[in-house]
Amino acid sequence: MPTYLEEIVASHRARAAADGRVLGDLVEQAKAAAAPRDFAAALGGDGLSCIAEIKRRSPSKGDLDPDLQPERVAKEYVAGGAACLSVLTDTGFFGGSPADLAAARQASGLPVLRKDFTVQEADVADARRMGADAVLLIVAALDDDELRRCALLADELGLAALVEVHDAPELERALAAGSRLVGVNQRDLRTFQVDHERACALAGEIPSDVLAVAESGIRDADDARRLAESGYDAILVGETLVRADDRAGTLRGLVGHPVGRR
């Protein structure tokens, strides 16, 4: 049986194979779009920052908030002290859309990550075309050449590239590609199981001059504090915030913890 990651990436690669658009045209359109906000700089403040995520569902948990209104949630996240937003644009598996990203970005005024499964350079151009300020590059979904080319195009277009890893070999690949913004996902995208110790275990292997983000499985202030003490500059939190009765209040408890040295 295919894993979650294999199934999702196969779907995106099939769509990419059928994409007859010309990359050069997409790049020119992207460059003509609104200038990106500085995503990485927004994460560099005092204390632990949060990339607050907007998503309606996930393959493992099903519906989180199928009637979610991205504008309203974005404003709640601003009230809670979010530094940036992450918005799912995958429709088939997560119920998101580019319209969600545009609405959240306009309502919040914050830099926004396009959270999706990038498999080709056209996806990077599309990210800026739809108004994103950052793009997600999942090392497990890309070979080294794809990772390098997508990262280079992101830089050319002024987008931050959050390069996501799950283990030490993937971290080594990310750093070899020159990544300056690395996310450690505690959720194994093959099984969707969460290892709450994964990010802390990898923290010491991330160079001090690289912005480090811990992703997934962050349940409460204690988790956030522990990750900050391990040297993470930011956390990316989705399910905990989307499901919270008081999103702004929950978020306030996650941010601002002193960041330790790596």
Protein backbone atom coordinates (compact mmCIF):
# COMPACT_ATOMS: atom_id res chain seq x y z
CA MET A 1 0.00 0.00 0.00
CA PRO A 2 1.32 3.50 -0.79
CA THR A 3 2.11 5.76 2.15
CA TYR A 4 0.34 9.10 2.69
CA LEU A 5 3.32 10.96 1.24
CA GLU A 6 3.64 8.68 -1.77
CA GLU A 7 -0.05 8.98 -2.58
CA ILE A 8 -0.10 12.77 -2.26
CA VAL A 9 3.14 13.31 -4.18
CA ALA A 10 2.06 10.89 -6.93
CA SER A 11 -1.12 12.92 -7.37
CA HIS A 12 0.83 16.16 -7.63
CA ARG A 13 3.37 14.69 -10.01
CA ALA A 14 0.59 13.40 -12.28
CA ARG A 15 -0.86 16.89 -12.39
CA ALA A 16 2.59 18.35 -13.07
CA ALA A 17 3.11 15.92 -15.94
CA ALA A 18 -0.10 17.17 -17.54
CA ASP A 19 0.81 20.83 -17.03
CA GLY A 20 1.40 22.29 -20.47
CA ARG A 21 2.21 25.80 -19.30
CA VAL A 22 5.56 27.38 -20.16
CA LEU A 23 7.75 27.92 -17.10
CA GLY A 24 9.26 31.13 -18.47
CA ASP A 25 5.80 32.66 -18.83
CA LEU A 26 4.89 31.69 -15.28
CA VAL A 27 8.10 33.21 -13.94
CA GLU A 28 7.43 36.49 -15.71
CA GLN A 29 3.88 36.56 -14.35
CA ALA A 30 5.21 35.82 -10.88
CA LYS A 31 7.70 38.68 -11.07
CA ALA A 32 4.87 41.01 -12.04
CA ALA A 33 2.84 40.04 -8.98
CA ALA A 34 2.90 41.96 -5.71
CA ALA A 35 6.28 42.00 -3.96
CA PRO A 36 6.57 39.35 -1.25
CA ARG A 37 6.67 40.25 2.43
CA ASP A 38 9.81 39.23 4.32
CA PHE A 39 8.81 35.89 5.81
CA ALA A 40 12.16 35.00 7.38
CA ALA A 41 12.62 38.42 8.98
CA ALA A 42 9.20 38.10 10.61
CA LEU A 43 10.45 35.00 12.47
CA GLY A 44 13.55 36.68 13.84
CA GLY A 45 12.07 38.59 16.76
CA ASP A 46 12.71 38.12 20.47
CA GLY A 47 11.41 34.84 21.82
CA LEU A 48 9.74 31.93 20.08
CA SER A 49 7.70 32.90 17.02
CA CYS A 50 4.74 31.04 15.57
CA ILE A 51 3.71 30.28 12.02
CA ALA A 52 -0.03 29.73 12.57
CA GLU A 53 -1.65 27.38 10.09
CA ILE A 54 -5.02 27.54 8.37
CA LYS A 55 -6.39 24.21 7.17
CA ARG A 56 -9.78 22.58 6.95
CA ARG A 57 -8.84 18.91 7.05
CA SER A 58 -5.96 16.42 6.93
CA PRO A 59 -5.66 12.92 5.49
CA SER A 60 -5.05 11.39 8.91
CA LYS A 61 -7.50 13.37 11.07
CA GLY A 62 -10.27 14.08 8.57
CA ASP A 63 -12.27 17.28 9.00
CA LEU A 64 -10.81 19.82 11.42
CA ASP A 65 -13.09 22.74 10.54
CA PRO A 66 -14.76 22.19 7.16
CA ASP A 67 -16.59 25.54 7.40
CA LEU A 68 -13.45 27.48 8.29
CA GLN A 69 -13.43 31.11 7.17
CA PRO A 70 -9.81 32.02 6.41
CA GLU A 71 -10.30 35.76 6.94
CA ARG A 72 -11.75 35.24 10.42
CA VAL A 73 -9.13 32.70 11.47
CA ALA A 74 -6.32 34.91 10.16
CA LYS A 75 -7.53 37.79 12.30
CA GLU A 76 -7.72 35.53 15.35
CA TYR A 77 -4.14 34.49 14.72
CA VAL A 78 -3.03 38.13 14.47
CA ALA A 79 -4.73 38.82 17.80
CA GLY A 80 -2.82 35.89 19.30
CA GLY A 81 0.56 37.17 18.18
CA ALA A 82 1.33 35.06 15.09
CA ALA A 83 4.47 36.14 13.23
CA CYS A 84 3.44 34.49 9.94
CA LEU A 85 0.68 32.33 8.53
CA SER A 86 0.74 28.98 6.76
CA VAL A 87 -2.18 28.25 4.46
CA LEU A 88 -2.96 24.90 2.85
CA THR A 89 -3.65 25.28 -0.86
CA ASP A 90 -3.94 21.55 -1.63
CA THR A 91 -7.59 20.85 -2.44
CA GLY A 92 -7.84 17.09 -2.84
CA PHE A 93 -6.22 16.01 0.43
CA PHE A 94 -6.52 19.07 2.69
CA GLY A 95 -9.53 20.98 1.38
CA GLY A 96 -7.55 24.16 0.81
CA SER A 97 -7.27 26.54 -2.12
CA PRO A 98 -5.30 29.53 -3.43
CA ALA A 99 -8.36 31.63 -2.55
CA ASP A 100 -7.85 30.72 1.12
CA LEU A 101 -4.27 31.99 0.94
CA ALA A 102 -5.23 35.27 -0.72
CA ALA A 103 -8.02 35.90 1.78
CA ALA A 104 -5.85 35.14 4.81
CA ARG A 105 -2.97 37.28 3.58
CA GLN A 106 -5.20 40.27 2.92
CA ALA A 107 -7.04 39.98 6.24
CA SER A 108 -3.90 39.55 8.35
CA GLY A 109 -1.20 41.71 6.78
CA LEU A 110 1.27 38.96 7.74
CA PRO A 111 3.71 37.05 5.51
CA VAL A 112 2.16 33.79 4.34
CA LEU A 113 3.62 30.39 3.50
CA ARG A 114 2.00 28.43 0.71
CA LYS A 115 1.65 25.02 2.37
CA ASP A 116 1.49 22.48 -0.43
CA PHE A 117 3.46 19.69 -2.06
CA THR A 118 5.93 21.37 -4.43
CA VAL A 119 7.15 18.97 -7.13
CA GLN A 120 8.26 21.30 -9.92
CA GLU A 121 9.49 24.84 -10.51
CA ALA A 122 6.07 25.86 -11.85
CA ASP A 123 4.71 25.29 -8.33
CA VAL A 124 7.19 27.85 -6.99
CA ALA A 125 6.14 30.41 -9.60
CA ASP A 126 2.50 29.67 -8.82
CA ALA A 127 3.16 30.40 -5.15
CA ARG A 128 4.15 33.99 -5.85
CA ARG A 129 1.44 34.33 -8.51
CA MET A 130 -1.20 33.52 -5.88
CA GLY A 131 0.30 35.98 -3.39
CA ALA A 132 2.47 33.77 -1.16
CA ASP A 133 5.58 35.10 0.53
CA ALA A 134 7.16 31.69 1.15
CA VAL A 135 7.04 28.22 -0.36
CA LEU A 136 7.39 24.81 1.26
CA LEU A 137 10.01 22.41 -0.12
CA ILE A 138 9.72 18.91 1.38
CA VAL A 139 13.05 17.12 1.07
CA ALA A 140 11.37 13.69 1.13
CA ALA A 141 9.31 14.66 -1.93
CA LEU A 142 12.17 15.99 -4.07
CA ASP A 143 15.45 14.70 -5.42
CA ASP A 144 18.56 16.84 -4.95
CA ASP A 145 18.34 18.51 -8.36
CA GLU A 146 14.66 19.34 -7.92
CA LEU A 147 15.36 20.75 -4.46
CA ARG A 148 18.20 22.91 -5.75
CA ARG A 149 16.26 24.23 -8.75
CA CYS A 150 13.13 25.02 -6.73
CA ALA A 151 15.19 26.76 -4.04
CA LEU A 152 17.03 28.83 -6.64
CA LEU A 153 13.80 29.91 -8.29
CA ALA A 154 12.27 30.81 -4.94
CA ASP A 155 15.26 33.04 -4.25
CA GLU A 156 15.01 34.61 -7.70
CA LEU A 157 11.35 35.42 -7.05
CA GLY A 158 12.00 36.83 -3.60
CA LEU A 159 10.24 34.00 -1.80
CA ALA A 160 11.48 32.38 1.38
CA ALA A 161 11.88 28.61 1.07
CA LEU A 162 10.98 26.64 4.18
CA VAL A 163 12.84 23.39 3.59
CA GLU A 164 11.21 20.59 5.55
CA VAL A 165 13.10 17.58 6.89
CA HIS A 166 12.25 14.57 9.06
CA ASP A 167 15.63 13.09 9.97
CA ALA A 168 19.39 13.68 9.94
CA PRO A 169 20.03 12.53 6.33
CA GLU A 170 17.30 14.85 5.06
CA LEU A 171 18.73 17.70 7.14
CA GLU A 172 22.13 17.07 5.56
CA ARG A 173 20.55 17.29 2.09
CA ALA A 174 18.75 20.53 3.01
CA LEU A 175 21.95 22.14 4.27
CA ALA A 176 23.89 20.94 1.23
CA ALA A 177 21.32 22.76 -0.93
CA GLY A 178 22.10 25.99 0.95
CA SER A 179 18.88 26.17 2.95
CA ARG A 180 18.77 29.02 5.47
CA LEU A 181 15.26 28.27 6.79
CA VAL A 182 14.77 24.67 7.89
CA GLY A 183 11.68 23.04 9.35
CA VAL A 184 11.79 19.79 11.29
CA ASN A 185 8.45 18.03 10.90
CA GLN A 186 7.69 15.78 13.84
CA ARG A 187 4.96 14.11 11.79
CA ASP A 188 6.22 11.32 9.56
CA LEU A 189 4.50 12.07 6.26
CA ARG A 190 4.71 8.42 5.29
CA THR A 191 2.65 7.20 8.27
CA PHE A 192 1.34 10.54 9.66
CA GLN A 193 2.45 9.42 13.14
CA VAL A 194 3.96 12.10 15.39
CA ASP A 195 7.23 11.71 17.29
CA HIS A 196 7.26 14.47 19.93
CA GLU A 197 11.00 14.03 20.51
CA ARG A 198 12.08 14.31 16.87
CA ALA A 199 12.64 18.08 16.73
CA CYS A 200 14.57 18.25 20.00
CA ALA A 201 16.77 15.36 18.89
CA LEU A 202 17.72 17.16 15.66
CA ALA A 203 18.06 20.67 17.05
CA GLY A 204 21.78 20.42 17.78
CA GLU A 205 22.54 19.45 14.18
CA ILE A 206 21.06 22.66 12.75
CA PRO A 207 23.72 25.39 12.38
CA SER A 208 23.19 28.45 14.56
CA ASP A 209 22.97 30.75 11.52
CA VAL A 210 20.03 28.81 10.06
CA LEU A 211 16.51 29.72 11.14
CA ALA A 212 15.01 26.60 12.71
CA VAL A 213 11.29 25.82 12.79
CA ALA A 214 9.69 22.91 14.64
CA GLU A 215 6.56 21.61 12.95
CA SER A 216 3.62 19.40 13.93
CA GLY A 217 2.61 17.76 17.18
CA ILE A 218 2.83 20.95 19.24
CA ARG A 219 0.02 20.61 21.76
CA ASP A 220 0.50 23.28 24.42
CA ALA A 221 2.76 25.84 26.07
CA ASP A 222 4.95 23.12 27.59
CA ASP A 223 5.73 21.69 24.14
CA ALA A 224 6.46 25.18 22.83
CA ARG A 225 8.73 26.02 25.75
CA ARG A 226 10.67 22.78 25.37
CA LEU A 227 11.26 23.43 21.67
CA ALA A 228 12.36 27.00 22.34
CA GLU A 229 14.83 25.78 24.97
CA SER A 230 16.21 23.35 22.36
CA GLY A 231 17.03 26.32 20.12
CA TYR A 232 14.08 26.57 17.75
CA ASP A 233 13.37 30.09 16.54
CA ALA A 234 9.79 29.31 15.57
CA ILE A 235 7.08 26.69 15.62
CA LEU A 236 4.49 25.88 12.98
CA VAL A 237 1.17 24.94 14.58
CA GLY A 238 -1.97 23.80 12.78
CA GLU A 239 -4.35 21.31 14.33
CA THR A 240 -3.99 22.60 17.91
CA LEU A 241 -4.95 26.12 16.84
CA VAL A 242 -7.64 25.22 14.33
CA ARG A 243 -9.44 23.04 16.89
CA ALA A 244 -9.06 25.53 19.79
CA ASP A 245 -12.18 27.23 21.15
CA ASP A 246 -10.08 30.34 21.80
CA ARG A 247 -7.54 30.45 19.00
CA ALA A 248 -6.01 33.78 19.97
CA GLY A 249 -5.69 32.79 23.62
CA THR A 250 -4.16 29.43 22.78
CA LEU A 251 -1.64 31.07 20.48
CA ARG A 252 -0.61 33.60 23.12
CA GLY A 253 0.47 30.70 25.31
CA LEU A 254 2.74 29.32 22.59
CA VAL A 255 4.80 32.37 21.68
CA GLY A 256 7.50 34.44 23.32
CA HIS A 257 9.35 31.69 25.19
CA PRO A 258 13.11 32.40 25.43
CA VAL A 259 15.06 30.67 22.67
CA GLY A 260 18.07 28.64 23.73
CA ARG A 261 21.36 28.33 21.89
CA ARG A 262 21.98 25.52 19.45
